[in-house]
C-alpha atoms as a PDB file:
ATOM      1  CA  UNK A   1     -28.283  64.911 -38.604  1.00  0.00           C
ATOM      2  CA  UNK A   2     -30.353  65.988 -41.606  1.00  0.00           C
ATOM      3  CA  UNK A   3     -27.534  68.133 -42.976  1.00  0.00           C
ATOM      4  CA  UNK A   4     -25.050  65.255 -42.663  1.00  0.00           C
ATOM      5  CA  UNK A   5     -27.417  62.853 -44.426  1.00  0.00           C
ATOM      6  CA  UNK A   6     -27.969  65.429 -47.168  1.00  0.00           C
ATOM      7  CA  UNK A   7     -24.216  65.747 -47.697  1.00  0.00           C
ATOM      8  CA  UNK A   8     -23.897  61.948 -48.035  1.00  0.00           C
ATOM      9  CA  UNK A   9     -26.845  61.810 -50.442  1.00  0.00           C
ATOM     10  CA  UNK A  10     -25.353  64.548 -52.591  1.00  0.00           C
ATOM     11  CA  UNK A  11     -22.026  62.730 -52.726  1.00  0.00           C
ATOM     12  CA  UNK A  12     -23.772  59.610 -54.041  1.00  0.00           C
ATOM     13  CA  UNK A  13     -23.072  57.567 -50.933  1.00  0.00           C
ATOM     14  CA  UNK A  14     -25.625  55.630 -48.983  1.00  0.00           C
ATOM     15  CA  UNK A  15     -25.135  54.723 -45.376  1.00  0.00           C
ATOM     16  CA  UNK A  16     -27.078  52.939 -42.675  1.00  0.00           C
ATOM     17  CA  UNK A  17     -26.992  54.220 -39.119  1.00  0.00           C
ATOM     18  CA  UNK A  18     -26.839  51.733 -36.291  1.00  0.00           C
ATOM     19  CA  UNK A  19     -27.248  52.668 -32.657  1.00  0.00           C
ATOM     20  CA  UNK A  20     -28.134  50.614 -29.651  1.00  0.00           C
ATOM     21  CA  UNK A  21     -29.161  51.777 -26.222  1.00  0.00           C
ATOM     22  CA  UNK A  22     -26.383  53.909 -24.778  1.00  0.00           C
ATOM     23  CA  UNK A  23     -24.234  53.627 -27.924  1.00  0.00           C
ATOM     24  CA  UNK A  24     -23.178  56.242 -30.407  1.00  0.00           C
ATOM     25  CA  UNK A  25     -24.487  55.927 -33.948  1.00  0.00           C
ATOM     26  CA  UNK A  26     -22.009  54.682 -36.513  1.00  0.00           C
ATOM     27  CA  UNK A  27     -22.321  54.571 -40.269  1.00  0.00           C
ATOM     28  CA  UNK A  28     -22.009  51.426 -42.346  1.00  0.00           C
ATOM     29  CA  UNK A  29     -21.673  51.638 -46.119  1.00  0.00           C
ATOM     30  CA  UNK A  30     -24.341  49.953 -48.221  1.00  0.00           C
ATOM     31  CA  UNK A  31     -23.224  48.194 -51.392  1.00  0.00           C
ATOM     32  CA  UNK A  32     -25.303  46.940 -54.290  1.00  0.00           C
ATOM     33  CA  UNK A  33     -24.693  43.305 -55.313  1.00  0.00           C
ATOM     34  CA  UNK A  34     -23.271  44.482 -58.646  1.00  0.00           C
ATOM     35  CA  UNK A  35     -20.550  46.396 -56.839  1.00  0.00           C
ATOM     36  CA  UNK A  36     -19.284  43.210 -55.176  1.00  0.00           C
ATOM     37  CA  UNK A  37     -18.737  41.314 -58.446  1.00  0.00           C
ATOM     38  CA  UNK A  38     -15.187  41.258 -59.773  1.00  0.00           C
ATOM     39  CA  UNK A  39     -14.809  43.346 -62.891  1.00  0.00           C
ATOM     40  CA  UNK A  40     -14.117  41.579 -66.194  1.00  0.00           C
ATOM     41  CA  UNK A  41     -10.874  43.540 -66.465  1.00  0.00           C
ATOM     42  CA  UNK A  42      -9.441  41.744 -63.423  1.00  0.00           C
ATOM     43  CA  UNK A  43     -10.260  38.318 -64.866  1.00  0.00           C
ATOM     44  CA  UNK A  44      -8.627  39.285 -68.164  1.00  0.00           C
ATOM     45  CA  UNK A  45      -5.573  40.628 -66.314  1.00  0.00           C
ATOM     46  CA  UNK A  46      -5.192  37.374 -64.350  1.00  0.00           C
ATOM     47  CA  UNK A  47      -5.503  35.304 -67.519  1.00  0.00           C
ATOM     48  CA  UNK A  48      -2.971  37.532 -69.274  1.00  0.00           C
ATOM     49  CA  UNK A  49      -0.543  37.102 -66.358  1.00  0.00           C
ATOM     50  CA  UNK A  50      -0.759  33.312 -66.667  1.00  0.00           C
ATOM     51  CA  UNK A  51      -0.235  33.456 -70.451  1.00  0.00           C
ATOM     52  CA  UNK A  52       2.730  35.822 -70.135  1.00  0.00           C
ATOM     53  CA  UNK A  53       4.328  33.713 -67.382  1.00  0.00           C
ATOM     54  CA  UNK A  54       3.966  30.583 -69.545  1.00  0.00           C
ATOM     55  CA  UNK A  55       5.460  32.497 -72.463  1.00  0.00           C
ATOM     56  CA  UNK A  56       8.444  33.533 -70.360  1.00  0.00           C
ATOM     57  CA  UNK A  57       9.125  29.916 -69.400  1.00  0.00           C
ATOM     58  CA  UNK A  58       8.888  28.809 -73.033  1.00  0.00           C
ATOM     59  CA  UNK A  59      11.207  31.641 -74.111  1.00  0.00           C
ATOM     60  CA  UNK A  60      13.710  30.609 -71.446  1.00  0.00           C
ATOM     61  CA  UNK A  61      14.158  27.110 -72.822  1.00  0.00           C
ATOM     62  CA  UNK A  62      13.590  27.664 -76.554  1.00  0.00           C
ATOM     63  CA  UNK A  63      15.968  29.846 -78.493  1.00  0.00           C
ATOM     64  CA  UNK A  64      19.620  30.437 -79.169  1.00  0.00           C
ATOM     65  CA  UNK A  65      20.783  31.385 -75.677  1.00  0.00           C
ATOM     66  CA  UNK A  66      24.492  31.051 -75.054  1.00  0.00           C
ATOM     67  CA  UNK A  67      24.450  31.945 -71.373  1.00  0.00           C
ATOM     68  CA  UNK A  68      22.023  31.166 -68.589  1.00  0.00           C
ATOM     69  CA  UNK A  69      21.412  34.744 -67.455  1.00  0.00           C
ATOM     70  CA  UNK A  70      18.355  35.039 -69.703  1.00  0.00           C
ATOM     71  CA  UNK A  71      16.953  31.800 -68.337  1.00  0.00           C
ATOM     72  CA  UNK A  72      17.369  32.936 -64.741  1.00  0.00           C
ATOM     73  CA  UNK A  73      15.611  36.245 -65.344  1.00  0.00           C
ATOM     74  CA  UNK A  74      12.781  34.817 -67.451  1.00  0.00           C
ATOM     75  CA  UNK A  75      12.017  31.967 -65.048  1.00  0.00           C
ATOM     76  CA  UNK A  76      12.422  34.285 -62.041  1.00  0.00           C
ATOM     77  CA  UNK A  77       9.969  36.850 -63.421  1.00  0.00           C
ATOM     78  CA  UNK A  78       7.510  34.086 -64.340  1.00  0.00           C
ATOM     79  CA  UNK A  79       7.787  32.653 -60.819  1.00  0.00           C
ATOM     80  CA  UNK A  80       7.116  36.084 -59.277  1.00  0.00           C
ATOM     81  CA  UNK A  81       4.029  36.501 -61.470  1.00  0.00           C
ATOM     82  CA  UNK A  82       2.676  33.084 -60.482  1.00  0.00           C
ATOM     83  CA  UNK A  83       3.448  33.808 -56.810  1.00  0.00           C
ATOM     84  CA  UNK A  84       1.501  37.090 -57.106  1.00  0.00           C
ATOM     85  CA  UNK A  85      -1.478  35.244 -58.604  1.00  0.00           C
ATOM     86  CA  UNK A  86      -1.412  32.618 -55.836  1.00  0.00           C
ATOM     87  CA  UNK A  87      -1.205  35.292 -53.113  1.00  0.00           C
ATOM     88  CA  UNK A  88      -4.059  37.204 -54.769  1.00  0.00           C
ATOM     89  CA  UNK A  89      -6.208  34.061 -54.840  1.00  0.00           C
ATOM     90  CA  UNK A  90      -5.664  33.230 -51.163  1.00  0.00           C
ATOM     91  CA  UNK A  91      -6.121  36.820 -49.972  1.00  0.00           C
ATOM     92  CA  UNK A  92      -9.372  37.058 -51.909  1.00  0.00           C
ATOM     93  CA  UNK A  93     -10.536  33.688 -50.589  1.00  0.00           C
ATOM     94  CA  UNK A  94      -9.758  34.683 -46.988  1.00  0.00           C
ATOM     95  CA  UNK A  95     -11.733  37.911 -47.424  1.00  0.00           C
ATOM     96  CA  UNK A  96      -8.708  40.136 -46.867  1.00  0.00           C
ATOM     97  CA  UNK A  97      -8.880  41.658 -50.340  1.00  0.00           C
ATOM     98  CA  UNK A  98     -11.739  43.167 -52.318  1.00  0.00           C
ATOM     99  CA  UNK A  99     -11.709  43.360 -56.096  1.00  0.00           C
END
């Protein structure tokens, strides 16, 4: 066991061993509270996605478009971006996704 613990310590990982009576030991990763905070980059990326989606909708209805193909693509891409943000929010809230 000492060699295995040394290998984990050298790799920079920390683990806690749990074993009950008659059970095999299993390792559980230990995280610092700072590691569980979302990074500022993710917040900026989410804000940028909202701004870009709003820009796409504005571009779809303002301008000198002769056909509606541009409108369909711009609104469709904006809708996909907003759908991605909504799915990300609910997955994170349900605990199914880590940042």
